Amino acid sequence: MTDPTARICVWCSSSEDIAELRGEPRCGRCRTAEQTIAAAREFVGLYGLRPLGGSLASDDEEEHEHRVAAREARAMLNQTRSQTPPRAKSRSGQRTASTATKTSAKVAAKPQNDKSGVTRPDRAELAIRAQNLLTQLAEIEERLAVAQQDSGLSGKAKVSDLTAKRDSVLRTLAALEKANRALEPA
């Protein structure tokens, strides 16, 4: 389990007992803390309990133990953090440099069809997208038919969720059809 190429933990910069966890080198102490938090999240998720957070209020002793352990593990990780881990987006909604670079590389690779720099897909790409959406729509319809047979509360929630997904796919298909019509010569 130990990765000999990894030199330091991405959380605390320790070089002892380094192993891969979620694709990053972590020391034994940080791995244990993260696994404690993951176990607590799994426990509250399994029983449909209130998510982990600031309060330790709980209905039973086992839940309380998980909440306390997760809080202590989170505090330990925050105290030992030597650098902020990279994120795909910051809180202000700005993308990191690597994401911006990838996006600009994609834009530069595609031919631009108008003066504003916006690229437009051709008919073949629109057809592929439409076919994928039609496949997705068929799957949603099948799942919706099964969910409608369940008259309970969970069945109603599934029907509501699947209906919203179906509506979203239909709106996207309509937008693709509009884009296809825009490509037709006048």
Protein backbone atom coordinates (compact mmCIF):
# COMPACT_ATOMS: atom_id res chain seq x y z
CA MET A 1 0.00 0.00 0.00
CA THR A 2 2.95 2.34 0.52
CA ASP A 3 3.94 4.35 -2.54
CA PRO A 4 7.72 4.71 -2.72
CA THR A 5 7.53 7.61 -5.21
CA ALA A 6 5.45 9.82 -2.88
CA ARG A 7 7.67 11.83 -0.57
CA ILE A 8 5.36 13.92 1.62
CA CYS A 9 1.74 14.00 2.76
CA VAL A 10 -0.34 16.58 0.88
CA TRP A 11 -2.05 17.58 4.13
CA CYS A 12 0.66 17.85 6.76
CA SER A 13 3.91 17.51 4.76
CA SER A 14 4.96 14.52 6.88
CA SER A 15 7.26 12.00 5.22
CA GLU A 16 6.42 9.06 7.53
CA ASP A 17 4.16 6.12 6.51
CA ILE A 18 3.14 7.64 3.15
CA ALA A 19 0.51 5.83 1.09
CA GLU A 20 -1.99 6.71 -1.63
CA LEU A 21 -5.50 7.77 -0.51
CA ARG A 22 -7.94 9.12 -3.08
CA GLY A 23 -5.12 9.57 -5.57
CA GLU A 24 -2.90 11.65 -3.29
CA PRO A 25 -0.01 10.79 -0.97
CA ARG A 26 -1.11 10.85 2.68
CA CYS A 27 0.61 9.94 5.94
CA GLY A 28 -0.86 7.33 8.28
CA ARG A 29 -2.28 9.91 10.69
CA CYS A 30 -4.08 11.87 7.94
CA ARG A 31 -5.36 8.66 6.30
CA THR A 32 -6.80 7.51 9.62
CA ALA A 33 -8.51 10.87 10.18
CA GLU A 34 -10.02 10.88 6.68
CA GLN A 35 -11.22 7.29 7.07
CA THR A 36 -12.84 8.22 10.41
CA ILE A 37 -14.71 11.07 8.73
CA ALA A 38 -15.73 8.81 5.83
CA ALA A 39 -17.03 6.18 8.26
CA ALA A 40 -19.10 8.81 10.09
CA ARG A 41 -20.51 10.12 6.79
CA GLU A 42 -21.39 6.59 5.75
CA PHE A 43 -23.11 5.95 9.09
CA VAL A 44 -25.27 9.10 8.98
CA GLY A 45 -26.03 8.47 5.29
CA LEU A 46 -26.98 4.85 5.88
CA TYR A 47 -29.55 5.78 8.51
CA GLY A 48 -30.71 8.98 6.85
CA LEU A 49 -29.52 11.14 9.72
CA ARG A 50 -28.69 14.83 9.74
CA PRO A 51 -25.36 15.46 7.95
CA LEU A 52 -22.15 15.98 9.89
CA GLY A 53 -21.64 19.55 10.98
CA GLY A 54 -21.22 21.82 13.94
CA SER A 55 -23.70 20.17 16.31
CA LEU A 56 -23.07 16.92 18.15
CA ALA A 57 -26.76 16.46 18.97
CA SER A 58 -27.79 12.87 18.33
CA ASP A 59 -30.48 10.33 19.13
CA ASP A 60 -28.27 7.47 20.25
CA GLU A 61 -24.81 6.77 21.61
CA GLU A 62 -23.37 5.25 18.42
CA GLU A 63 -24.36 8.28 16.34
CA HIS A 64 -22.85 10.56 19.00
CA GLU A 65 -19.57 8.59 18.91
CA HIS A 66 -19.37 8.92 15.13
CA ARG A 67 -20.08 12.67 15.29
CA VAL A 68 -17.47 13.26 18.00
CA ALA A 69 -14.85 11.16 16.19
CA ALA A 70 -15.51 12.98 12.90
CA ARG A 71 -15.29 16.39 14.60
CA GLU A 72 -11.98 15.50 16.26
CA ALA A 73 -10.57 14.08 13.02
CA ARG A 74 -11.62 17.19 11.07
CA ALA A 75 -10.06 19.45 13.71
CA MET A 76 -6.81 17.46 13.57
CA LEU A 77 -6.71 17.69 9.78
CA ASN A 78 -7.40 21.42 9.81
CA GLN A 79 -4.69 22.05 12.43
CA THR A 80 -2.05 20.09 10.53
CA ARG A 81 -2.91 21.29 7.03
CA SER A 82 0.23 22.75 5.50
CA GLN A 83 -1.33 23.80 2.20
CA THR A 84 -4.78 24.21 0.73
CA PRO A 85 -5.72 21.27 -1.51
CA PRO A 86 -6.50 22.22 -5.15
CA ARG A 87 -10.14 22.59 -6.09
CA ALA A 88 -11.93 22.66 -9.42
CA LYS A 89 -13.71 25.89 -8.49
CA SER A 90 -13.18 28.46 -5.79
CA ARG A 91 -16.04 29.74 -3.68
CA SER A 92 -16.33 32.84 -5.84
CA GLY A 93 -17.00 30.60 -8.84
CA GLN A 94 -13.70 31.26 -10.62
CA ARG A 95 -11.99 28.24 -12.12
CA THR A 96 -8.47 27.24 -11.31
CA ALA A 97 -5.71 27.93 -13.82
CA SER A 98 -5.51 24.32 -14.98
CA THR A 99 -9.23 24.24 -15.78
CA ALA A 100 -8.99 27.56 -17.62
CA THR A 101 -6.02 26.28 -19.60
CA LYS A 102 -7.90 23.12 -20.62
CA THR A 103 -10.93 25.18 -21.64
CA SER A 104 -8.89 27.60 -23.72
CA ALA A 105 -7.07 24.70 -25.38
CA LYS A 106 -10.42 23.15 -26.37
CA VAL A 107 -11.67 26.45 -27.78
CA ALA A 108 -8.45 26.94 -29.73
CA ALA A 109 -8.68 23.42 -31.17
CA LYS A 110 -12.20 23.91 -32.60
CA PRO A 111 -12.82 26.06 -35.64
CA GLN A 112 -14.64 29.28 -34.87
CA ASN A 113 -17.68 30.00 -36.97
CA ASP A 114 -18.50 33.57 -36.07
CA LYS A 115 -16.89 36.82 -34.96
CA SER A 116 -17.80 36.44 -31.28
CA GLY A 117 -15.54 33.40 -30.90
CA VAL A 118 -18.44 31.03 -30.19
CA THR A 119 -18.08 27.68 -31.89
CA ARG A 120 -21.11 25.98 -33.34
CA PRO A 121 -21.47 22.24 -33.79
CA ASP A 122 -22.12 20.82 -37.23
CA ARG A 123 -25.10 18.65 -38.18
CA ALA A 124 -23.26 15.39 -37.45
CA GLU A 125 -22.41 16.49 -33.92
CA LEU A 126 -26.00 17.63 -33.34
CA ALA A 127 -27.25 14.23 -34.54
CA ILE A 128 -24.91 12.40 -32.18
CA ARG A 129 -26.02 14.54 -29.25
CA ALA A 130 -29.67 14.03 -30.15
CA GLN A 131 -29.21 10.25 -30.41
CA ASN A 132 -27.54 10.14 -26.97
CA LEU A 133 -30.38 12.19 -25.50
CA LEU A 134 -33.00 9.92 -27.09
CA THR A 135 -31.29 6.89 -25.56
CA GLN A 136 -31.25 8.64 -22.19
CA LEU A 137 -34.92 9.57 -22.62
CA ALA A 138 -35.86 5.93 -23.29
CA GLU A 139 -34.06 4.83 -20.11
CA ILE A 140 -35.82 7.53 -18.10
CA GLU A 141 -39.21 6.48 -19.51
CA GLU A 142 -38.56 2.84 -18.50
CA ARG A 143 -37.54 3.84 -14.98
CA LEU A 144 -40.54 6.19 -14.77
CA ALA A 145 -42.94 3.36 -15.67
CA VAL A 146 -41.49 1.22 -12.87
CA ALA A 147 -41.57 4.09 -10.36
CA GLN A 148 -45.21 4.89 -11.13
CA GLN A 149 -46.20 1.42 -9.93
CA ASP A 150 -44.91 2.25 -6.43
CA SER A 151 -47.69 4.16 -4.65
CA GLY A 152 -45.59 4.95 -1.57
CA LEU A 153 -43.81 8.15 -0.69
CA SER A 154 -40.51 6.98 -2.17
CA GLY A 155 -42.30 6.07 -5.40
CA LYS A 156 -43.79 9.54 -5.63
CA ALA A 157 -40.36 11.09 -5.04
CA LYS A 158 -38.83 8.93 -7.78
CA VAL A 159 -41.64 9.86 -10.17
CA SER A 160 -41.08 13.54 -9.43
CA ASP A 161 -37.31 13.27 -9.92
CA LEU A 162 -37.60 11.25 -13.13
CA THR A 163 -40.24 13.60 -14.52
CA ALA A 164 -37.91 16.54 -13.93
CA LYS A 165 -35.07 14.68 -15.68
CA ARG A 166 -37.35 13.82 -18.60
CA ASP A 167 -38.42 17.46 -18.93
CA SER A 168 -34.79 18.56 -18.92
CA VAL A 169 -33.89 16.08 -21.67
CA LEU A 170 -36.89 17.20 -23.73
CA ARG A 171 -35.87 20.86 -23.39
CA THR A 172 -32.34 19.97 -24.50
CA LEU A 173 -33.71 18.04 -27.48
CA ALA A 174 -35.81 21.06 -28.43
CA ALA A 175 -32.73 23.28 -28.24
CA LEU A 176 -30.82 20.86 -30.48
CA GLU A 177 -33.67 20.90 -32.99
CA LYS A 178 -33.61 24.70 -32.96
CA ALA A 179 -29.84 24.66 -33.53
CA ASN A 180 -30.31 22.20 -36.40
CA ARG A 181 -32.88 24.48 -38.03
CA ALA A 182 -30.48 27.41 -37.67
CA LEU A 183 -27.93 25.49 -39.76
CA GLU A 184 -30.38 25.10 -42.67
CA PRO A 185 -29.83 27.52 -45.53
CA ALA A 186 -32.49 30.22 -45.80
